[in-house]
Amino acid sequence: MASRDEAGAPDTAHQAGASPRDQSPSAHGNGSPVLPPPRLPSESANKQFRLKLMMFWGVVIAAIVAAFATGYPSWENYIVQEAAKRQLRAYIDVRPQGMSAIEEGLVPRVHDSFHNIGRTPAYDNGSFSRILVREYPLTRTLVNDECRYVAPDPKAGKWFIGTPKRPGIARESPLTAAEVGAIKGGNSAIYFHGRVCYRDIFNEPHRTDFCLYWKWDAGRISPSLSCPQGNSAG
């Protein structure tokens, strides 16, 4: 039988609570260890990281500069070669020599000539031209035929600087009374348009589109005039 003192003695262990050593496992759950707080990188580590990053970008920039420096001479040579070609290549200019009288029943005819105003020969790849009576001022673009040859013709001639002989170009039908009245009334004009196809000494194809017209001016035929559109070279 327990003594009175023993029976009434307080349970100091439960009243005071467990010691921090005993509580620590249960406080973090299932006895898991306590992790230390994360450590921030030091200033020296930050400096090393920044230095490596600068070195990386320095290498990238140097590679880009080297690539441009290597490609620049080739691009410069290309520009020089293209400029030389433009200066040396052939350029064809079409010059009409006159227009016949404008009368009913007459067939309009144009005597033209091709002039090479370039510095090197031009190889003939064909030409196309047509004479039309259209409204004045002209409100449409006259369409030319495409160049027929895509490769140099071995039988093609060479146009040098000078005036080669060419037969005159005539319209298929004569002028009607209505056309003559419209021309002399200032409502129509005679148009001469076409395309010259040629190749230069570099074997590159080119073309010259031309458009000229004659109108009635103070009781007579005007000199040949350039159309507002249809004159170009390529």
Protein backbone atom coordinates (compact mmCIF):
# COMPACT_ATOMS: atom_id res chain seq x y z
CA MET A 1 0.00 0.00 0.00
CA ALA A 2 1.39 3.32 -1.06
CA SER A 3 2.01 6.01 1.42
CA ARG A 4 0.03 9.20 1.40
CA ASP A 5 2.97 11.18 0.30
CA GLU A 6 3.61 8.86 -2.57
CA ALA A 7 -0.03 8.84 -3.67
CA GLY A 8 -0.45 12.58 -3.55
CA ALA A 9 2.90 13.40 -5.08
CA PRO A 10 2.36 15.43 -8.26
CA ASP A 11 3.43 14.02 -11.58
CA THR A 12 6.10 16.58 -12.22
CA ALA A 13 7.03 15.10 -15.53
CA HIS A 14 3.58 15.68 -17.04
CA GLN A 15 2.96 18.96 -15.34
CA ALA A 16 6.23 20.56 -16.33
CA GLY A 17 6.08 19.09 -19.84
CA ALA A 18 8.76 17.23 -21.78
CA SER A 19 12.20 18.69 -22.29
CA PRO A 20 13.04 20.42 -25.60
CA ARG A 21 15.23 17.41 -26.53
CA ASP A 22 12.21 15.11 -26.17
CA GLN A 23 9.87 17.48 -28.06
CA SER A 24 12.06 18.22 -31.05
CA PRO A 25 11.33 15.01 -33.02
CA SER A 26 7.57 15.31 -32.64
CA ALA A 27 7.60 19.02 -33.45
CA HIS A 28 8.96 18.35 -36.98
CA GLY A 29 6.88 15.26 -37.59
CA ASN A 30 7.90 11.61 -37.73
CA GLY A 31 11.36 12.25 -36.42
CA SER A 32 12.65 14.00 -39.61
CA PRO A 33 15.91 15.92 -39.17
CA VAL A 34 15.93 19.68 -39.01
CA LEU A 35 17.31 21.29 -42.27
CA PRO A 36 19.66 24.23 -41.96
CA PRO A 37 18.60 27.57 -43.53
CA PRO A 38 19.71 28.15 -47.18
CA ARG A 39 23.05 29.84 -47.64
CA LEU A 40 23.23 32.89 -49.92
CA PRO A 41 26.08 33.01 -52.51
CA SER A 42 29.01 35.01 -51.39
CA GLU A 43 30.15 38.21 -53.06
CA SER A 44 33.14 36.45 -54.61
CA ALA A 45 30.86 33.83 -56.19
CA ASN A 46 28.72 36.60 -57.68
CA LYS A 47 31.78 38.28 -59.14
CA GLN A 48 32.93 35.03 -60.75
CA PHE A 49 29.49 34.47 -62.28
CA ARG A 50 29.39 37.97 -63.73
CA LEU A 51 32.90 37.55 -65.12
CA LYS A 52 32.00 34.28 -66.86
CA LEU A 53 28.85 35.88 -68.32
CA MET A 54 30.85 38.79 -69.70
CA MET A 55 33.38 36.42 -71.23
CA PHE A 56 30.59 34.43 -72.91
CA TRP A 57 29.03 37.49 -74.53
CA GLY A 58 32.45 38.73 -75.52
CA VAL A 59 33.07 35.52 -77.46
CA VAL A 60 29.65 35.78 -79.17
CA ILE A 61 30.22 39.39 -80.25
CA ALA A 62 33.70 38.57 -81.51
CA ALA A 63 32.30 35.73 -83.63
CA ILE A 64 29.67 38.01 -85.17
CA VAL A 65 32.24 40.68 -85.97
CA ALA A 66 34.54 38.08 -87.54
CA ALA A 67 31.69 36.76 -89.71
CA PHE A 68 30.89 40.25 -91.02
CA ALA A 69 34.56 41.01 -91.57
CA THR A 70 34.97 37.82 -93.58
CA GLY A 71 31.87 38.39 -95.74
CA TYR A 72 32.41 42.09 -96.41
CA PRO A 73 35.08 41.73 -99.11
CA SER A 74 32.85 39.32 -101.09
CA TRP A 75 29.86 41.67 -100.89
CA GLU A 76 32.07 44.61 -101.86
CA ASN A 77 33.40 42.71 -104.88
CA TYR A 78 29.84 41.87 -105.92
CA ILE A 79 28.83 45.54 -105.80
CA VAL A 80 31.89 46.52 -107.84
CA GLN A 81 31.20 43.85 -110.45
CA GLU A 82 27.55 44.87 -110.82
CA ALA A 83 28.54 48.52 -111.22
CA ALA A 84 31.07 47.56 -113.90
CA LYS A 85 28.44 45.55 -115.76
CA ARG A 86 26.03 48.48 -115.76
CA GLN A 87 28.72 50.74 -117.19
CA LEU A 88 29.91 48.31 -119.87
CA ARG A 89 26.67 46.64 -120.97
CA ALA A 90 24.72 47.55 -124.10
CA TYR A 91 21.74 49.90 -124.01
CA ILE A 92 19.32 50.01 -126.94
CA ASP A 93 17.56 53.23 -127.85
CA VAL A 94 14.70 53.35 -130.40
CA ARG A 95 14.51 56.43 -132.62
CA PRO A 96 11.75 56.93 -135.19
CA GLN A 97 12.65 58.89 -138.30
CA GLY A 98 9.24 60.12 -139.35
CA MET A 99 5.55 59.58 -139.98
CA SER A 100 3.79 59.54 -143.32
CA ALA A 101 0.95 61.91 -144.08
CA ILE A 102 -2.34 61.50 -142.22
CA GLU A 103 -4.97 61.08 -144.91
CA GLU A 104 -7.87 58.76 -145.47
CA GLY A 105 -6.83 55.61 -147.30
CA LEU A 106 -3.12 56.00 -146.47
CA VAL A 107 -1.32 53.34 -144.46
CA PRO A 108 0.56 54.91 -141.54
CA ARG A 109 4.23 53.92 -141.64
CA VAL A 110 7.14 54.56 -139.28
CA HIS A 111 10.84 54.35 -140.12
CA ASP A 112 12.65 53.61 -136.92
CA SER A 113 16.21 52.65 -136.00
CA PHE A 114 17.83 50.90 -133.07
CA HIS A 115 20.85 52.59 -131.56
CA ASN A 116 23.21 50.88 -129.15
CA ILE A 117 24.22 53.66 -126.78
CA GLY A 118 26.22 51.29 -124.57
CA ARG A 119 29.92 50.48 -124.68
CA THR A 120 29.75 46.84 -125.79
CA PRO A 121 27.87 44.90 -128.51
CA ALA A 122 24.28 43.77 -128.12
CA TYR A 123 23.08 40.41 -129.40
CA ASP A 124 19.73 40.54 -131.19
CA ASN A 125 17.01 38.48 -129.51
CA GLY A 126 14.14 39.80 -131.59
CA SER A 127 11.82 42.80 -131.51
CA PHE A 128 8.15 43.64 -131.65
CA SER A 129 6.39 46.86 -132.73
CA ARG A 130 2.90 48.02 -133.66
CA ILE A 131 1.14 51.15 -134.97
CA LEU A 132 -2.25 52.04 -133.47
CA VAL A 133 -4.75 54.88 -133.47
CA ARG A 134 -5.93 55.51 -129.91
CA GLU A 135 -7.50 58.26 -127.84
CA TYR A 136 -5.52 61.35 -126.95
CA PRO A 137 -4.45 61.78 -124.23
CA LEU A 138 -3.75 58.08 -123.82
CA THR A 139 -5.60 56.56 -120.86
CA ARG A 140 -4.30 53.00 -121.05
CA THR A 141 -0.98 51.16 -121.11
CA LEU A 142 -0.18 49.53 -124.44
CA VAL A 143 0.82 45.89 -123.98
CA ASN A 144 3.95 44.51 -125.66
CA ASP A 145 4.75 40.94 -126.63
CA GLU A 146 7.17 39.00 -124.46
CA CYS A 147 10.72 38.32 -125.59
CA ARG A 148 10.67 35.15 -127.68
CA TYR A 149 14.15 33.84 -127.03
CA VAL A 150 15.38 32.68 -123.65
CA ALA A 151 18.83 31.72 -124.97
CA PRO A 152 21.17 33.49 -127.39
CA ASP A 153 20.40 32.81 -131.02
CA PRO A 154 23.57 31.65 -132.83
CA LYS A 155 22.34 33.42 -135.97
CA ALA A 156 21.61 36.68 -134.17
CA GLY A 157 23.43 39.77 -135.29
CA LYS A 158 25.36 42.25 -133.20
CA TRP A 159 24.33 45.84 -132.84
CA PHE A 160 27.28 48.13 -132.48
CA ILE A 161 27.17 51.86 -131.93
CA GLY A 162 25.62 53.24 -135.08
CA THR A 163 22.41 53.02 -137.08
CA PRO A 164 21.58 49.61 -138.56
CA LYS A 165 19.29 49.41 -141.56
CA ARG A 166 15.71 48.40 -140.78
CA PRO A 167 12.62 48.25 -142.97
CA GLY A 168 9.80 50.60 -142.11
CA ILE A 169 6.94 49.46 -139.88
CA ALA A 170 3.45 49.82 -141.36
CA ARG A 171 -0.02 49.33 -139.99
CA GLU A 172 -1.98 46.48 -141.53
CA SER A 173 -4.94 48.67 -142.55
CA PRO A 174 -5.16 52.20 -143.96
CA LEU A 175 -6.59 55.13 -142.03
CA THR A 176 -10.35 55.53 -142.09
CA ALA A 177 -12.23 58.79 -142.45
CA ALA A 178 -13.33 58.56 -138.81
CA GLU A 179 -9.76 58.06 -137.61
CA VAL A 180 -8.46 60.98 -139.66
CA GLY A 181 -11.25 63.20 -138.33
CA ALA A 182 -10.49 62.18 -134.70
CA ILE A 183 -6.76 62.80 -135.15
CA LYS A 184 -7.21 66.23 -136.79
CA GLY A 185 -9.83 67.09 -134.20
CA GLY A 186 -7.36 66.45 -131.36
CA ASN A 187 -9.24 63.48 -129.92
CA SER A 188 -6.89 60.75 -131.19
CA ALA A 189 -3.25 60.24 -132.07
CA ILE A 190 -1.07 57.68 -133.85
CA TYR A 191 0.93 55.56 -131.42
CA PHE A 192 4.01 53.49 -132.14
CA HIS A 193 4.99 51.06 -129.37
CA GLY A 194 6.96 47.88 -128.96
CA ARG A 195 9.81 46.02 -127.29
CA VAL A 196 13.40 45.25 -128.26
CA CYS A 197 14.96 42.11 -126.77
CA TYR A 198 18.71 41.60 -126.63
CA ARG A 199 21.59 40.12 -124.65
CA ASP A 200 24.79 41.78 -123.56
CA ILE A 201 28.35 40.42 -123.62
CA PHE A 202 27.74 38.95 -120.16
CA ASN A 203 25.01 36.75 -121.73
CA GLU A 204 22.30 38.42 -119.65
CA PRO A 205 18.90 39.18 -121.28
CA HIS A 206 17.58 42.74 -121.46
CA ARG A 207 14.68 44.58 -123.01
CA THR A 208 13.77 48.10 -124.06
CA ASP A 209 10.09 49.07 -124.13
CA PHE A 210 9.20 52.14 -126.17
CA CYS A 211 6.06 54.16 -126.84
CA LEU A 212 5.91 57.21 -129.14
CA TYR A 213 3.06 59.11 -130.71
CA TRP A 214 2.20 61.77 -133.27
CA LYS A 215 -0.71 64.19 -132.98
CA TRP A 216 -2.23 66.92 -135.10
CA ASP A 217 -0.72 70.27 -134.17
CA ALA A 218 -1.57 73.60 -135.84
CA GLY A 219 -2.58 72.00 -139.13
CA ARG A 220 0.31 69.57 -139.39
CA ILE A 221 1.78 66.41 -137.88
CA SER A 222 3.80 66.98 -134.72
CA PRO A 223 7.30 65.56 -134.18
CA SER A 224 7.46 62.20 -132.40
CA LEU A 225 6.64 62.55 -128.71
CA SER A 226 7.19 60.13 -125.81
CA CYS A 227 4.14 58.53 -124.25
CA PRO A 228 3.53 59.25 -120.56
CA GLN A 229 3.97 55.51 -119.91
CA GLY A 230 5.44 52.54 -121.74
CA ASN A 231 9.07 53.68 -121.97
CA SER A 232 11.39 51.59 -119.82
CA ALA A 233 14.50 49.43 -119.92
CA GLY A 234 15.42 46.32 -118.04
